[in-house]
C-alpha atoms as a PDB file:
ATOM      1  CA  UNK A   1      42.573  35.188  10.700  1.00  0.00           C
ATOM      2  CA  UNK A   2      44.174  32.560   8.507  1.00  0.00           C
ATOM      3  CA  UNK A   3      43.729  28.949   8.814  1.00  0.00           C
ATOM      4  CA  UNK A   4      45.812  26.085   7.639  1.00  0.00           C
ATOM      5  CA  UNK A   5      44.195  24.019   4.830  1.00  0.00           C
ATOM      6  CA  UNK A   6      44.791  20.346   4.294  1.00  0.00           C
ATOM      7  CA  UNK A   7      45.399  18.940   0.791  1.00  0.00           C
ATOM      8  CA  UNK A   8      43.677  15.727  -0.005  1.00  0.00           C
ATOM      9  CA  UNK A   9      44.229  13.392  -2.891  1.00  0.00           C
ATOM     10  CA  UNK A  10      41.486  12.119  -5.225  1.00  0.00           C
ATOM     11  CA  UNK A  11      41.652   8.762  -3.530  1.00  0.00           C
ATOM     12  CA  UNK A  12      41.419  10.281  -0.053  1.00  0.00           C
ATOM     13  CA  UNK A  13      38.237  12.174  -1.139  1.00  0.00           C
ATOM     14  CA  UNK A  14      36.797   8.943  -2.697  1.00  0.00           C
ATOM     15  CA  UNK A  15      37.536   7.006   0.445  1.00  0.00           C
ATOM     16  CA  UNK A  16      35.881   9.683   2.560  1.00  0.00           C
ATOM     17  CA  UNK A  17      32.855   9.646   0.270  1.00  0.00           C
ATOM     18  CA  UNK A  18      32.517   5.850   0.293  1.00  0.00           C
ATOM     19  CA  UNK A  19      32.933   5.902   4.094  1.00  0.00           C
ATOM     20  CA  UNK A  20      30.316   8.650   4.466  1.00  0.00           C
ATOM     21  CA  UNK A  21      27.860   6.655   2.344  1.00  0.00           C
ATOM     22  CA  UNK A  22      28.405   3.530   4.668  1.00  0.00           C
ATOM     23  CA  UNK A  23      27.983   5.812   7.676  1.00  0.00           C
ATOM     24  CA  UNK A  24      24.723   7.239   6.407  1.00  0.00           C
ATOM     25  CA  UNK A  25      23.396   3.700   5.601  1.00  0.00           C
ATOM     26  CA  UNK A  26      24.413   2.414   9.143  1.00  0.00           C
ATOM     27  CA  UNK A  27      22.797   5.495  10.806  1.00  0.00           C
ATOM     28  CA  UNK A  28      19.502   4.878   8.792  1.00  0.00           C
ATOM     29  CA  UNK A  29      19.452   1.327  10.016  1.00  0.00           C
ATOM     30  CA  UNK A  30      19.897   2.430  13.512  1.00  0.00           C
ATOM     31  CA  UNK A  31      17.127   4.956  13.220  1.00  0.00           C
ATOM     32  CA  UNK A  32      14.787   2.217  11.927  1.00  0.00           C
ATOM     33  CA  UNK A  33      15.404   0.371  15.233  1.00  0.00           C
ATOM     34  CA  UNK A  34      15.463   3.287  17.645  1.00  0.00           C
ATOM     35  CA  UNK A  35      12.779   3.015  20.358  1.00  0.00           C
ATOM     36  CA  UNK A  36      12.555   6.806  20.285  1.00  0.00           C
ATOM     37  CA  UNK A  37      11.481   6.713  16.664  1.00  0.00           C
ATOM     38  CA  UNK A  38       7.732   6.634  16.416  1.00  0.00           C
ATOM     39  CA  UNK A  39       8.007   5.074  12.925  1.00  0.00           C
ATOM     40  CA  UNK A  40      10.557   2.399  13.971  1.00  0.00           C
ATOM     41  CA  UNK A  41      10.196  -1.044  12.486  1.00  0.00           C
ATOM     42  CA  UNK A  42       9.383  -3.147  15.500  1.00  0.00           C
ATOM     43  CA  UNK A  43      10.162  -6.367  13.517  1.00  0.00           C
ATOM     44  CA  UNK A  44      13.918  -5.463  13.388  1.00  0.00           C
ATOM     45  CA  UNK A  45      16.130  -6.665  16.152  1.00  0.00           C
ATOM     46  CA  UNK A  46      18.034  -3.990  18.210  1.00  0.00           C
ATOM     47  CA  UNK A  47      21.514  -2.978  17.049  1.00  0.00           C
ATOM     48  CA  UNK A  48      24.356  -4.786  18.705  1.00  0.00           C
ATOM     49  CA  UNK A  49      28.100  -4.316  19.226  1.00  0.00           C
ATOM     50  CA  UNK A  50      29.847  -1.647  17.164  1.00  0.00           C
ATOM     51  CA  UNK A  51      26.608  -0.795  15.274  1.00  0.00           C
ATOM     52  CA  UNK A  52      24.883   0.185  18.496  1.00  0.00           C
ATOM     53  CA  UNK A  53      27.943   2.292  19.666  1.00  0.00           C
ATOM     54  CA  UNK A  54      28.084   3.971  16.163  1.00  0.00           C
ATOM     55  CA  UNK A  55      24.520   4.909  16.221  1.00  0.00           C
ATOM     56  CA  UNK A  56      24.829   6.301  19.761  1.00  0.00           C
ATOM     57  CA  UNK A  57      27.812   8.344  18.732  1.00  0.00           C
ATOM     58  CA  UNK A  58      26.024   9.783  15.751  1.00  0.00           C
ATOM     59  CA  UNK A  59      23.116  10.786  17.969  1.00  0.00           C
ATOM     60  CA  UNK A  60      25.490  12.346  20.420  1.00  0.00           C
ATOM     61  CA  UNK A  61      27.734  14.312  18.017  1.00  0.00           C
ATOM     62  CA  UNK A  62      25.574  14.908  14.961  1.00  0.00           C
ATOM     63  CA  UNK A  63      25.989  14.633  11.228  1.00  0.00           C
ATOM     64  CA  UNK A  64      28.626  17.377  10.870  1.00  0.00           C
ATOM     65  CA  UNK A  65      31.040  15.757  13.308  1.00  0.00           C
ATOM     66  CA  UNK A  66      30.388  12.417  11.693  1.00  0.00           C
ATOM     67  CA  UNK A  67      31.141  13.864   8.255  1.00  0.00           C
ATOM     68  CA  UNK A  68      34.455  15.144   9.560  1.00  0.00           C
ATOM     69  CA  UNK A  69      35.080  11.743  11.128  1.00  0.00           C
ATOM     70  CA  UNK A  70      34.644  10.273   7.629  1.00  0.00           C
ATOM     71  CA  UNK A  71      37.377  12.652   6.278  1.00  0.00           C
ATOM     72  CA  UNK A  72      39.667  11.771   9.238  1.00  0.00           C
ATOM     73  CA  UNK A  73      39.131   8.009   8.903  1.00  0.00           C
ATOM     74  CA  UNK A  74      39.578   8.084   5.100  1.00  0.00           C
ATOM     75  CA  UNK A  75      43.398   7.867   5.521  1.00  0.00           C
ATOM     76  CA  UNK A  76      43.116   4.737   7.763  1.00  0.00           C
ATOM     77  CA  UNK A  77      40.740   3.216   5.260  1.00  0.00           C
ATOM     78  CA  UNK A  78      43.232   3.744   2.360  1.00  0.00           C
ATOM     79  CA  UNK A  79      46.049   2.237   4.477  1.00  0.00           C
ATOM     80  CA  UNK A  80      43.922  -0.662   5.306  1.00  0.00           C
ATOM     81  CA  UNK A  81      43.098  -1.283   1.677  1.00  0.00           C
ATOM     82  CA  UNK A  82      46.727  -1.089   0.746  1.00  0.00           C
ATOM     83  CA  UNK A  83      47.600  -3.740   3.433  1.00  0.00           C
ATOM     84  CA  UNK A  84      45.321  -6.249   1.752  1.00  0.00           C
ATOM     85  CA  UNK A  85      46.809  -8.642  -0.819  1.00  0.00           C
ATOM     86  CA  UNK A  86      45.231  -8.476  -4.262  1.00  0.00           C
ATOM     87  CA  UNK A  87      43.286 -11.690  -3.548  1.00  0.00           C
ATOM     88  CA  UNK A  88      41.964 -10.234  -0.318  1.00  0.00           C
ATOM     89  CA  UNK A  89      40.929  -7.062  -2.107  1.00  0.00           C
ATOM     90  CA  UNK A  90      38.958  -9.227  -4.547  1.00  0.00           C
ATOM     91  CA  UNK A  91      36.801 -10.481  -1.593  1.00  0.00           C
ATOM     92  CA  UNK A  92      35.911  -6.960  -0.700  1.00  0.00           C
ATOM     93  CA  UNK A  93      34.794  -5.592  -4.062  1.00  0.00           C
ATOM     94  CA  UNK A  94      32.964  -3.451  -4.693  1.00  0.00           C
ATOM     95  CA  UNK A  95      34.987  -1.055  -2.619  1.00  0.00           C
ATOM     96  CA  UNK A  96      32.095   1.205  -1.731  1.00  0.00           C
ATOM     97  CA  UNK A  97      29.529  -1.390  -0.952  1.00  0.00           C
ATOM     98  CA  UNK A  98      31.640  -4.121   0.593  1.00  0.00           C
ATOM     99  CA  UNK A  99      34.915  -2.824   1.808  1.00  0.00           C
ATOM    100  CA  UNK A 100      33.761   0.589   3.196  1.00  0.00           C
ATOM    101  CA  UNK A 101      30.935  -0.883   5.303  1.00  0.00           C
ATOM    102  CA  UNK A 102      33.214  -3.765   6.577  1.00  0.00           C
ATOM    103  CA  UNK A 103      35.848  -1.188   7.527  1.00  0.00           C
ATOM    104  CA  UNK A 104      33.215   0.892   9.351  1.00  0.00           C
ATOM    105  CA  UNK A 105      32.008  -2.226  11.208  1.00  0.00           C
ATOM    106  CA  UNK A 106      35.281  -2.922  12.759  1.00  0.00           C
ATOM    107  CA  UNK A 107      35.660   0.531  14.350  1.00  0.00           C
ATOM    108  CA  UNK A 108      34.873   0.698  18.017  1.00  0.00           C
ATOM    109  CA  UNK A 109      33.299   3.994  19.170  1.00  0.00           C
ATOM    110  CA  UNK A 110      32.969   5.791  22.407  1.00  0.00           C
ATOM    111  CA  UNK A 111      29.782   7.780  22.854  1.00  0.00           C
ATOM    112  CA  UNK A 112      31.416  11.075  21.945  1.00  0.00           C
ATOM    113  CA  UNK A 113      32.879  10.073  18.579  1.00  0.00           C
ATOM    114  CA  UNK A 114      36.366   8.841  19.289  1.00  0.00           C
ATOM    115  CA  UNK A 115      37.038   5.842  17.112  1.00  0.00           C
ATOM    116  CA  UNK A 116      39.284   3.015  18.211  1.00  0.00           C
ATOM    117  CA  UNK A 117      40.937   1.101  15.340  1.00  0.00           C
ATOM    118  CA  UNK A 118      43.340  -1.986  15.471  1.00  0.00           C
ATOM    119  CA  UNK A 119      46.941  -0.815  15.769  1.00  0.00           C
ATOM    120  CA  UNK A 120      48.267  -1.434  12.205  1.00  0.00           C
ATOM    121  CA  UNK A 121      46.932  -1.285   8.735  1.00  0.00           C
ATOM    122  CA  UNK A 122      47.451  -5.037   8.459  1.00  0.00           C
ATOM    123  CA  UNK A 123      45.555  -5.722  11.750  1.00  0.00           C
ATOM    124  CA  UNK A 124      42.747  -3.544  10.443  1.00  0.00           C
ATOM    125  CA  UNK A 125      42.772  -5.501   7.223  1.00  0.00           C
ATOM    126  CA  UNK A 126      42.547  -8.845   9.034  1.00  0.00           C
ATOM    127  CA  UNK A 127      39.666  -7.482  11.148  1.00  0.00           C
ATOM    128  CA  UNK A 128      37.836  -6.300   8.053  1.00  0.00           C
ATOM    129  CA  UNK A 129      38.368  -9.573   6.369  1.00  0.00           C
ATOM    130  CA  UNK A 130      37.216 -11.510   9.459  1.00  0.00           C
ATOM    131  CA  UNK A 131      34.062  -9.387   9.640  1.00  0.00           C
ATOM    132  CA  UNK A 132      33.355  -9.741   5.874  1.00  0.00           C
ATOM    133  CA  UNK A 133      33.757 -13.563   6.038  1.00  0.00           C
ATOM    134  CA  UNK A 134      31.258 -13.882   8.956  1.00  0.00           C
ATOM    135  CA  UNK A 135      28.619 -11.972   7.036  1.00  0.00           C
ATOM    136  CA  UNK A 136      28.700 -14.039   3.997  1.00  0.00           C
END
């Protein structure tokens, strides 16, 4: 049996890794708030919005599926970055600790791992900027 293999650029791999790091961080924050976690931090407020849906998706599909989702979404993340002006990119540096988590935050998730993104890279860029500007 032969399988078709995809070829990824260095930038695509870097984007997937940065997104995976943001995903792991978001999942850990969810676990710290999860009522089923005996060691949860009861002082933390529950997750809301996309963060809650993301955490539910992770619990439903598991780490392997989410890792593959990071690979899948890396292309959209690169297109979103490219749709930003240089000045807008400056607002989102460092790429791995500012842009990747903000990109992850704009994704809407269904409980079984299907991400919903704004329609165009520019719309995604505007959503990422709006999210980032509200968290400052």
